[in-house]
Amino acid sequence: MSVTSLAALAAIIDHTILRPDATEADVERFCAEAVQWSFAAVCVNPLHVPRAAAALRGSPVKTCSVIGFPLGATPTELKRHELDWVLAQGAAEVDMVISIGTLKSVGAGPIGDEVGVLKTVCGPVPLKVILETSLLTDEEIVAASLAAKRAGADFVKTSTAFTQKGATVEAVALMRRTVGPEMGVKASGGIRSFAEAMAMVEAGANRIGTSRGVALMREAHFGS
């Protein structure tokens, strides 16, 4: 993917506010910024979905929420209930976290099964599958990416940003090679500059998750 303009860059940014101390005012500010800059989405914890959906109503910016976040160590049935709730409250995109321990214990089969269940609930709503690549081997990244693709997910995503390391160019490139050109790849976690975002795009990402969307856009426009 190439990003040839500021508008094209803005269109792939998920303006992300998942901090545990995020206030209602913080969420409203992020929504206003996302509308101003024409970002793809604002990504919030489930509690904030109603507020974000109300703030973004009438704009092209989508409300995104997270499921099983940040650990993924939640039974599928509970993830499904959480998914039902955020969809009912206005989420138009969903990022779910896989069970990393399950992947490491028994392989990617149950990961694909879970993704399939949740994608069925999502229907046309895009589902992004967070792998937490910093905790996985290359073989596990490949296996989980393929399982998510076969189950109908719309994106595979690198990270929650809640572990010791976020997105890397190497992981993004591996995910892109694995899923091919049709499926989305989202780079998220630790992307703090325009140069880092562009490196992820060059590696194959077509969505960027960052809490620094505005700073990144200003850097792109005005320079460092």
C-alpha atoms as a PDB file:
ATOM      1  CA  MET A   1       0.000   0.000   0.000  1.00  0.00           C
ATOM      2  CA  SER A   2       1.178   3.509  -0.719  1.00  0.00           C
ATOM      3  CA  VAL A   3       0.129   6.643   1.129  1.00  0.00           C
ATOM      4  CA  THR A   4       0.393   9.538  -1.299  1.00  0.00           C
ATOM      5  CA  SER A   5      -1.370  12.321   0.596  1.00  0.00           C
ATOM      6  CA  LEU A   6      -2.302  13.481   4.073  1.00  0.00           C
ATOM      7  CA  ALA A   7      -5.896  12.483   3.368  1.00  0.00           C
ATOM      8  CA  ALA A   8      -4.815   8.962   2.482  1.00  0.00           C
ATOM      9  CA  LEU A   9      -2.823   8.713   5.687  1.00  0.00           C
ATOM     10  CA  ALA A  10      -5.696   9.990   7.822  1.00  0.00           C
ATOM     11  CA  ALA A  11      -8.037   7.475   6.213  1.00  0.00           C
ATOM     12  CA  ILE A  12      -6.088   4.517   7.624  1.00  0.00           C
ATOM     13  CA  ILE A  13      -5.655   5.773  11.208  1.00  0.00           C
ATOM     14  CA  ASP A  14      -7.621   4.329  14.121  1.00  0.00           C
ATOM     15  CA  HIS A  15      -7.401   7.125  16.706  1.00  0.00           C
ATOM     16  CA  THR A  16      -7.007   4.999  19.811  1.00  0.00           C
ATOM     17  CA  ILE A  17      -7.793   5.744  23.443  1.00  0.00           C
ATOM     18  CA  LEU A  18      -7.668   2.542  25.467  1.00  0.00           C
ATOM     19  CA  ARG A  19      -5.901   3.820  28.580  1.00  0.00           C
ATOM     20  CA  PRO A  20      -7.525   2.608  31.805  1.00  0.00           C
ATOM     21  CA  ASP A  21      -7.588   6.198  33.085  1.00  0.00           C
ATOM     22  CA  ALA A  22      -9.317   7.639  30.010  1.00  0.00           C
ATOM     23  CA  THR A  23     -12.071  10.030  31.048  1.00  0.00           C
ATOM     24  CA  GLU A  24     -15.304  10.880  29.297  1.00  0.00           C
ATOM     25  CA  ALA A  25     -13.762  14.213  28.315  1.00  0.00           C
ATOM     26  CA  ASP A  26     -10.769  12.390  26.812  1.00  0.00           C
ATOM     27  CA  VAL A  27     -13.056  10.226  24.696  1.00  0.00           C
ATOM     28  CA  GLU A  28     -15.019  13.219  23.471  1.00  0.00           C
ATOM     29  CA  ARG A  29     -11.792  15.032  22.583  1.00  0.00           C
ATOM     30  CA  PHE A  30     -10.504  12.057  20.602  1.00  0.00           C
ATOM     31  CA  CYS A  31     -13.801  11.868  18.733  1.00  0.00           C
ATOM     32  CA  ALA A  32     -13.667  15.570  17.873  1.00  0.00           C
ATOM     33  CA  GLU A  33     -10.084  15.185  16.671  1.00  0.00           C
ATOM     34  CA  ALA A  34     -10.991  12.176  14.557  1.00  0.00           C
ATOM     35  CA  VAL A  35     -13.779  14.091  12.848  1.00  0.00           C
ATOM     36  CA  GLN A  36     -11.500  17.106  12.314  1.00  0.00           C
ATOM     37  CA  TRP A  37      -8.760  15.020  10.742  1.00  0.00           C
ATOM     38  CA  SER A  38     -11.055  12.494   8.962  1.00  0.00           C
ATOM     39  CA  PHE A  39      -9.571   9.440  10.627  1.00  0.00           C
ATOM     40  CA  ALA A  40     -10.928   5.969   9.907  1.00  0.00           C
ATOM     41  CA  ALA A  41     -12.169   5.263  13.437  1.00  0.00           C
ATOM     42  CA  VAL A  42     -11.925   6.017  17.127  1.00  0.00           C
ATOM     43  CA  CYS A  43     -11.054   2.919  19.145  1.00  0.00           C
ATOM     44  CA  VAL A  44     -12.375   2.854  22.718  1.00  0.00           C
ATOM     45  CA  ASN A  45     -12.987   0.392  25.524  1.00  0.00           C
ATOM     46  CA  PRO A  46     -16.531  -1.037  25.650  1.00  0.00           C
ATOM     47  CA  LEU A  47     -17.645   1.291  28.458  1.00  0.00           C
ATOM     48  CA  HIS A  48     -17.089   4.288  26.183  1.00  0.00           C
ATOM     49  CA  VAL A  49     -18.834   2.948  23.072  1.00  0.00           C
ATOM     50  CA  PRO A  50     -22.162   4.739  23.676  1.00  0.00           C
ATOM     51  CA  ARG A  51     -20.421   8.077  24.188  1.00  0.00           C
ATOM     52  CA  ALA A  52     -18.157   7.654  21.170  1.00  0.00           C
ATOM     53  CA  ALA A  53     -21.011   6.499  18.937  1.00  0.00           C
ATOM     54  CA  ALA A  54     -23.057   9.550  19.935  1.00  0.00           C
ATOM     55  CA  ALA A  55     -20.128  11.898  19.368  1.00  0.00           C
ATOM     56  CA  LEU A  56     -19.384  10.435  15.935  1.00  0.00           C
ATOM     57  CA  ARG A  57     -22.975  10.145  14.741  1.00  0.00           C
ATOM     58  CA  GLY A  58     -23.446  11.795  11.368  1.00  0.00           C
ATOM     59  CA  SER A  59     -19.719  11.669  10.543  1.00  0.00           C
ATOM     60  CA  PRO A  60     -17.896   9.074   8.410  1.00  0.00           C
ATOM     61  CA  VAL A  61     -15.628   8.191  11.358  1.00  0.00           C
ATOM     62  CA  LYS A  62     -16.465   4.779  12.806  1.00  0.00           C
ATOM     63  CA  THR A  63     -16.715   3.756  16.435  1.00  0.00           C
ATOM     64  CA  CYS A  64     -14.388   0.820  17.107  1.00  0.00           C
ATOM     65  CA  SER A  65     -14.280  -1.214  20.296  1.00  0.00           C
ATOM     66  CA  VAL A  66     -12.251  -4.077  21.729  1.00  0.00           C
ATOM     67  CA  ILE A  67     -13.229  -7.563  22.895  1.00  0.00           C
ATOM     68  CA  GLY A  68     -11.353  -9.712  25.393  1.00  0.00           C
ATOM     69  CA  PHE A  69      -8.974  -6.806  25.846  1.00  0.00           C
ATOM     70  CA  PRO A  70      -6.111  -6.717  26.628  1.00  0.00           C
ATOM     71  CA  LEU A  71      -5.274 -10.319  27.581  1.00  0.00           C
ATOM     72  CA  GLY A  72      -7.565 -12.429  25.409  1.00  0.00           C
ATOM     73  CA  ALA A  73      -7.874 -14.931  28.261  1.00  0.00           C
ATOM     74  CA  THR A  74     -11.666 -14.928  28.228  1.00  0.00           C
ATOM     75  CA  PRO A  75     -13.959 -17.796  27.196  1.00  0.00           C
ATOM     76  CA  THR A  76     -15.499 -17.462  23.758  1.00  0.00           C
ATOM     77  CA  GLU A  77     -19.006 -17.248  25.202  1.00  0.00           C
ATOM     78  CA  LEU A  78     -18.076 -14.212  27.285  1.00  0.00           C
ATOM     79  CA  LYS A  79     -16.381 -12.582  24.301  1.00  0.00           C
ATOM     80  CA  ARG A  80     -19.583 -13.173  22.368  1.00  0.00           C
ATOM     81  CA  HIS A  81     -21.676 -11.459  25.050  1.00  0.00           C
ATOM     82  CA  GLU A  82     -19.247  -8.540  25.094  1.00  0.00           C
ATOM     83  CA  LEU A  83     -19.450  -8.371  21.313  1.00  0.00           C
ATOM     84  CA  ASP A  84     -23.253  -8.386  21.356  1.00  0.00           C
ATOM     85  CA  TRP A  85     -23.213  -5.470  23.783  1.00  0.00           C
ATOM     86  CA  VAL A  86     -20.761  -3.239  21.912  1.00  0.00           C
ATOM     87  CA  LEU A  87     -22.566  -3.838  18.631  1.00  0.00           C
ATOM     88  CA  ALA A  88     -25.879  -2.929  20.228  1.00  0.00           C
ATOM     89  CA  GLN A  89     -24.318   0.249  21.600  1.00  0.00           C
ATOM     90  CA  GLY A  90     -23.059   1.413  18.230  1.00  0.00           C
ATOM     91  CA  ALA A  91     -19.666  -0.169  17.531  1.00  0.00           C
ATOM     92  CA  ALA A  92     -19.072  -0.281  13.784  1.00  0.00           C
ATOM     93  CA  GLU A  93     -15.711  -2.077  13.968  1.00  0.00           C
ATOM     94  CA  VAL A  94     -14.398  -4.578  16.520  1.00  0.00           C
ATOM     95  CA  ASP A  95     -10.866  -5.593  17.530  1.00  0.00           C
ATOM     96  CA  MET A  96     -10.690  -8.900  19.433  1.00  0.00           C
ATOM     97  CA  VAL A  97      -7.751 -10.449  21.299  1.00  0.00           C
ATOM     98  CA  ILE A  98      -7.016 -14.123  20.777  1.00  0.00           C
ATOM     99  CA  SER A  99      -6.246 -16.472  23.648  1.00  0.00           C
ATOM    100  CA  ILE A 100      -2.463 -16.550  23.401  1.00  0.00           C
ATOM    101  CA  GLY A 101      -2.139 -19.358  25.929  1.00  0.00           C
ATOM    102  CA  THR A 102      -4.542 -21.504  23.916  1.00  0.00           C
ATOM    103  CA  LEU A 103      -2.543 -20.934  20.748  1.00  0.00           C
ATOM    104  CA  LYS A 104       0.658 -21.944  22.502  1.00  0.00           C
ATOM    105  CA  SER A 105      -0.946 -24.948  24.223  1.00  0.00           C
ATOM    106  CA  VAL A 106      -2.937 -26.620  21.478  1.00  0.00           C
ATOM    107  CA  GLY A 107      -2.358 -24.678  18.271  1.00  0.00           C
ATOM    108  CA  ALA A 108      -4.456 -22.411  16.098  1.00  0.00           C
ATOM    109  CA  GLY A 109      -7.526 -24.614  15.674  1.00  0.00           C
ATOM    110  CA  PRO A 110      -9.494 -23.155  18.603  1.00  0.00           C
ATOM    111  CA  ILE A 111      -8.412 -19.655  17.558  1.00  0.00           C
ATOM    112  CA  GLY A 112     -10.032 -20.139  14.180  1.00  0.00           C
ATOM    113  CA  ASP A 113     -13.139 -21.579  15.800  1.00  0.00           C
ATOM    114  CA  GLU A 114     -13.488 -18.565  18.086  1.00  0.00           C
ATOM    115  CA  VAL A 115     -12.898 -16.068  15.302  1.00  0.00           C
ATOM    116  CA  GLY A 116     -15.534 -17.842  13.226  1.00  0.00           C
ATOM    117  CA  VAL A 117     -18.110 -17.560  16.010  1.00  0.00           C
ATOM    118  CA  LEU A 118     -17.425 -13.880  16.539  1.00  0.00           C
ATOM    119  CA  LYS A 119     -17.355 -13.051  12.832  1.00  0.00           C
ATOM    120  CA  THR A 120     -20.765 -14.668  12.460  1.00  0.00           C
ATOM    121  CA  VAL A 121     -22.065 -12.329  15.161  1.00  0.00           C
ATOM    122  CA  CYS A 122     -20.355  -9.330  13.540  1.00  0.00           C
ATOM    123  CA  GLY A 123     -21.817  -9.980  10.108  1.00  0.00           C
ATOM    124  CA  PRO A 124     -20.753  -7.047   7.907  1.00  0.00           C
ATOM    125  CA  VAL A 125     -19.054  -5.234  10.802  1.00  0.00           C
ATOM    126  CA  PRO A 126     -15.273  -5.518  10.299  1.00  0.00           C
ATOM    127  CA  LEU A 127     -13.533  -7.841  12.767  1.00  0.00           C
ATOM    128  CA  LYS A 128      -9.829  -7.347  13.505  1.00  0.00           C
ATOM    129  CA  VAL A 129      -7.963 -10.159  15.244  1.00  0.00           C
ATOM    130  CA  ILE A 130      -5.188  -9.072  17.640  1.00  0.00           C
ATOM    131  CA  LEU A 131      -2.369 -11.625  17.754  1.00  0.00           C
ATOM    132  CA  GLU A 132      -0.008  -9.938  20.256  1.00  0.00           C
ATOM    133  CA  THR A 133       2.931 -10.701  17.996  1.00  0.00           C
ATOM    134  CA  SER A 134       5.622  -9.850  20.552  1.00  0.00           C
ATOM    135  CA  LEU A 135       4.598 -12.945  22.524  1.00  0.00           C
ATOM    136  CA  LEU A 136       4.582 -15.286  19.523  1.00  0.00           C
ATOM    137  CA  THR A 137       7.112 -17.091  17.386  1.00  0.00           C
ATOM    138  CA  ASP A 138       7.061 -16.534  13.642  1.00  0.00           C
ATOM    139  CA  GLU A 139       5.433 -19.949  13.251  1.00  0.00           C
ATOM    140  CA  GLU A 140       2.697 -18.997  15.698  1.00  0.00           C
ATOM    141  CA  ILE A 141       2.109 -15.679  13.908  1.00  0.00           C
ATOM    142  CA  VAL A 142       1.685 -17.533  10.634  1.00  0.00           C
ATOM    143  CA  ALA A 143      -0.630 -20.158  12.135  1.00  0.00           C
ATOM    144  CA  ALA A 144      -2.839 -17.607  13.903  1.00  0.00           C
ATOM    145  CA  SER A 145      -2.980 -15.339  10.840  1.00  0.00           C
ATOM    146  CA  LEU A 146      -4.058 -18.202   8.608  1.00  0.00           C
ATOM    147  CA  ALA A 147      -6.655 -19.351  11.149  1.00  0.00           C
ATOM    148  CA  ALA A 148      -8.107 -15.841  11.323  1.00  0.00           C
ATOM    149  CA  LYS A 149      -8.199 -15.552   7.546  1.00  0.00           C
ATOM    150  CA  ARG A 150      -9.903 -18.909   7.073  1.00  0.00           C
ATOM    151  CA  ALA A 151     -12.483 -17.981   9.713  1.00  0.00           C
ATOM    152  CA  GLY A 152     -13.480 -14.861   7.803  1.00  0.00           C
ATOM    153  CA  ALA A 153     -11.801 -12.102   9.815  1.00  0.00           C
ATOM    154  CA  ASP A 154     -11.298  -8.811   8.026  1.00  0.00           C
ATOM    155  CA  PHE A 155      -7.932  -7.890   9.564  1.00  0.00           C
ATOM    156  CA  VAL A 156      -5.112  -9.364  11.553  1.00  0.00           C
ATOM    157  CA  LYS A 157      -3.573  -6.904  13.995  1.00  0.00           C
ATOM    158  CA  THR A 158      -0.190  -6.895  15.688  1.00  0.00           C
ATOM    159  CA  SER A 159      -0.659  -5.780  19.260  1.00  0.00           C
ATOM    160  CA  THR A 160      -2.673  -4.412  22.135  1.00  0.00           C
ATOM    161  CA  ALA A 161       0.225  -2.134  23.224  1.00  0.00           C
ATOM    162  CA  PHE A 162      -0.204  -3.578  26.725  1.00  0.00           C
ATOM    163  CA  THR A 163       2.811  -5.915  26.573  1.00  0.00           C
ATOM    164  CA  GLN A 164       6.521  -5.192  26.506  1.00  0.00           C
ATOM    165  CA  LYS A 165       6.672  -4.572  22.773  1.00  0.00           C
ATOM    166  CA  GLY A 166       4.229  -3.325  20.166  1.00  0.00           C
ATOM    167  CA  ALA A 167       4.214  -3.501  16.386  1.00  0.00           C
ATOM    168  CA  THR A 168       7.365  -4.273  14.443  1.00  0.00           C
ATOM    169  CA  VAL A 169       8.044  -3.962  10.747  1.00  0.00           C
ATOM    170  CA  GLU A 170       9.114  -7.611  10.684  1.00  0.00           C
ATOM    171  CA  ALA A 171       5.835  -8.849  12.178  1.00  0.00           C
ATOM    172  CA  VAL A 172       3.744  -6.708   9.837  1.00  0.00           C
ATOM    173  CA  ALA A 173       5.657  -7.965   6.814  1.00  0.00           C
ATOM    174  CA  LEU A 174       5.243 -11.576   7.941  1.00  0.00           C
ATOM    175  CA  MET A 175       1.512 -11.108   8.488  1.00  0.00           C
ATOM    176  CA  ARG A 176       1.113  -9.511   5.050  1.00  0.00           C
ATOM    177  CA  ARG A 177       3.021 -12.320   3.341  1.00  0.00           C
ATOM    178  CA  THR A 178       0.878 -14.846   5.177  1.00  0.00           C
ATOM    179  CA  VAL A 179      -2.592 -13.432   4.515  1.00  0.00           C
ATOM    180  CA  GLY A 180      -1.941 -12.089   1.036  1.00  0.00           C
ATOM    181  CA  PRO A 181      -3.094  -8.806  -0.495  1.00  0.00           C
ATOM    182  CA  GLU A 182      -6.838  -9.100   0.089  1.00  0.00           C
ATOM    183  CA  MET A 183      -7.009  -9.180   3.886  1.00  0.00           C
ATOM    184  CA  GLY A 184      -6.375  -6.190   6.133  1.00  0.00           C
ATOM    185  CA  VAL A 185      -3.278  -5.894   8.318  1.00  0.00           C
ATOM    186  CA  LYS A 186      -3.364  -3.441  11.214  1.00  0.00           C
ATOM    187  CA  ALA A 187      -0.170  -2.252  12.877  1.00  0.00           C
ATOM    188  CA  SER A 188      -0.727  -1.029  16.412  1.00  0.00           C
ATOM    189  CA  GLY A 189       1.350  -0.522  19.520  1.00  0.00           C
ATOM    190  CA  GLY A 190       4.178   1.942  19.965  1.00  0.00           C
ATOM    191  CA  ILE A 191       3.724   3.819  16.679  1.00  0.00           C
ATOM    192  CA  ARG A 192       4.634   7.344  17.714  1.00  0.00           C
ATOM    193  CA  SER A 193       5.947   9.077  14.603  1.00  0.00           C
ATOM    194  CA  PHE A 194       5.170   9.626  10.946  1.00  0.00           C
ATOM    195  CA  ALA A 195       8.320   7.707   9.981  1.00  0.00           C
ATOM    196  CA  GLU A 196       7.270   4.704  12.064  1.00  0.00           C
ATOM    197  CA  ALA A 197       3.787   4.749  10.545  1.00  0.00           C
ATOM    198  CA  MET A 198       5.206   4.902   7.015  1.00  0.00           C
ATOM    199  CA  ALA A 199       7.536   2.001   7.775  1.00  0.00           C
ATOM    200  CA  MET A 200       4.528  -0.073   8.823  1.00  0.00           C
ATOM    201  CA  VAL A 201       2.669   0.883   5.641  1.00  0.00           C
ATOM    202  CA  GLU A 202       5.676  -0.028   3.514  1.00  0.00           C
ATOM    203  CA  ALA A 203       5.786  -3.396   5.289  1.00  0.00           C
ATOM    204  CA  GLY A 204       2.163  -4.085   4.374  1.00  0.00           C
ATOM    205  CA  ALA A 205      -0.121  -2.434   6.942  1.00  0.00           C
ATOM    206  CA  ASN A 206      -3.276  -0.826   5.619  1.00  0.00           C
ATOM    207  CA  ARG A 207      -4.530   0.357   9.013  1.00  0.00           C
ATOM    208  CA  ILE A 208      -2.557   2.079  11.774  1.00  0.00           C
ATOM    209  CA  GLY A 209      -3.666   2.114  15.408  1.00  0.00           C
ATOM    210  CA  THR A 210      -2.165   4.907  17.474  1.00  0.00           C
ATOM    211  CA  SER A 211      -3.027   7.247  20.309  1.00  0.00           C
ATOM    212  CA  ARG A 212      -0.895   9.885  18.602  1.00  0.00           C
ATOM    213  CA  GLY A 213      -2.920  10.331  15.444  1.00  0.00           C
ATOM    214  CA  VAL A 214      -3.039  14.112  15.645  1.00  0.00           C
ATOM    215  CA  ALA A 215       0.680  14.447  16.405  1.00  0.00           C
ATOM    216  CA  LEU A 216       1.446  12.074  13.553  1.00  0.00           C
ATOM    217  CA  MET A 217      -0.647  14.120  11.113  1.00  0.00           C
ATOM    218  CA  ARG A 218       0.946  17.373  12.220  1.00  0.00           C
ATOM    219  CA  GLU A 219       4.372  15.861  11.783  1.00  0.00           C
ATOM    220  CA  ALA A 220       3.425  14.697   8.294  1.00  0.00           C
ATOM    221  CA  HIS A 221       2.160  18.173   7.419  1.00  0.00           C
ATOM    222  CA  PHE A 222       4.675  20.433   9.118  1.00  0.00           C
ATOM    223  CA  GLY A 223       7.664  18.156   9.651  1.00  0.00           C
ATOM    224  CA  SER A 224       9.320  17.306  12.950  1.00  0.00           C
END
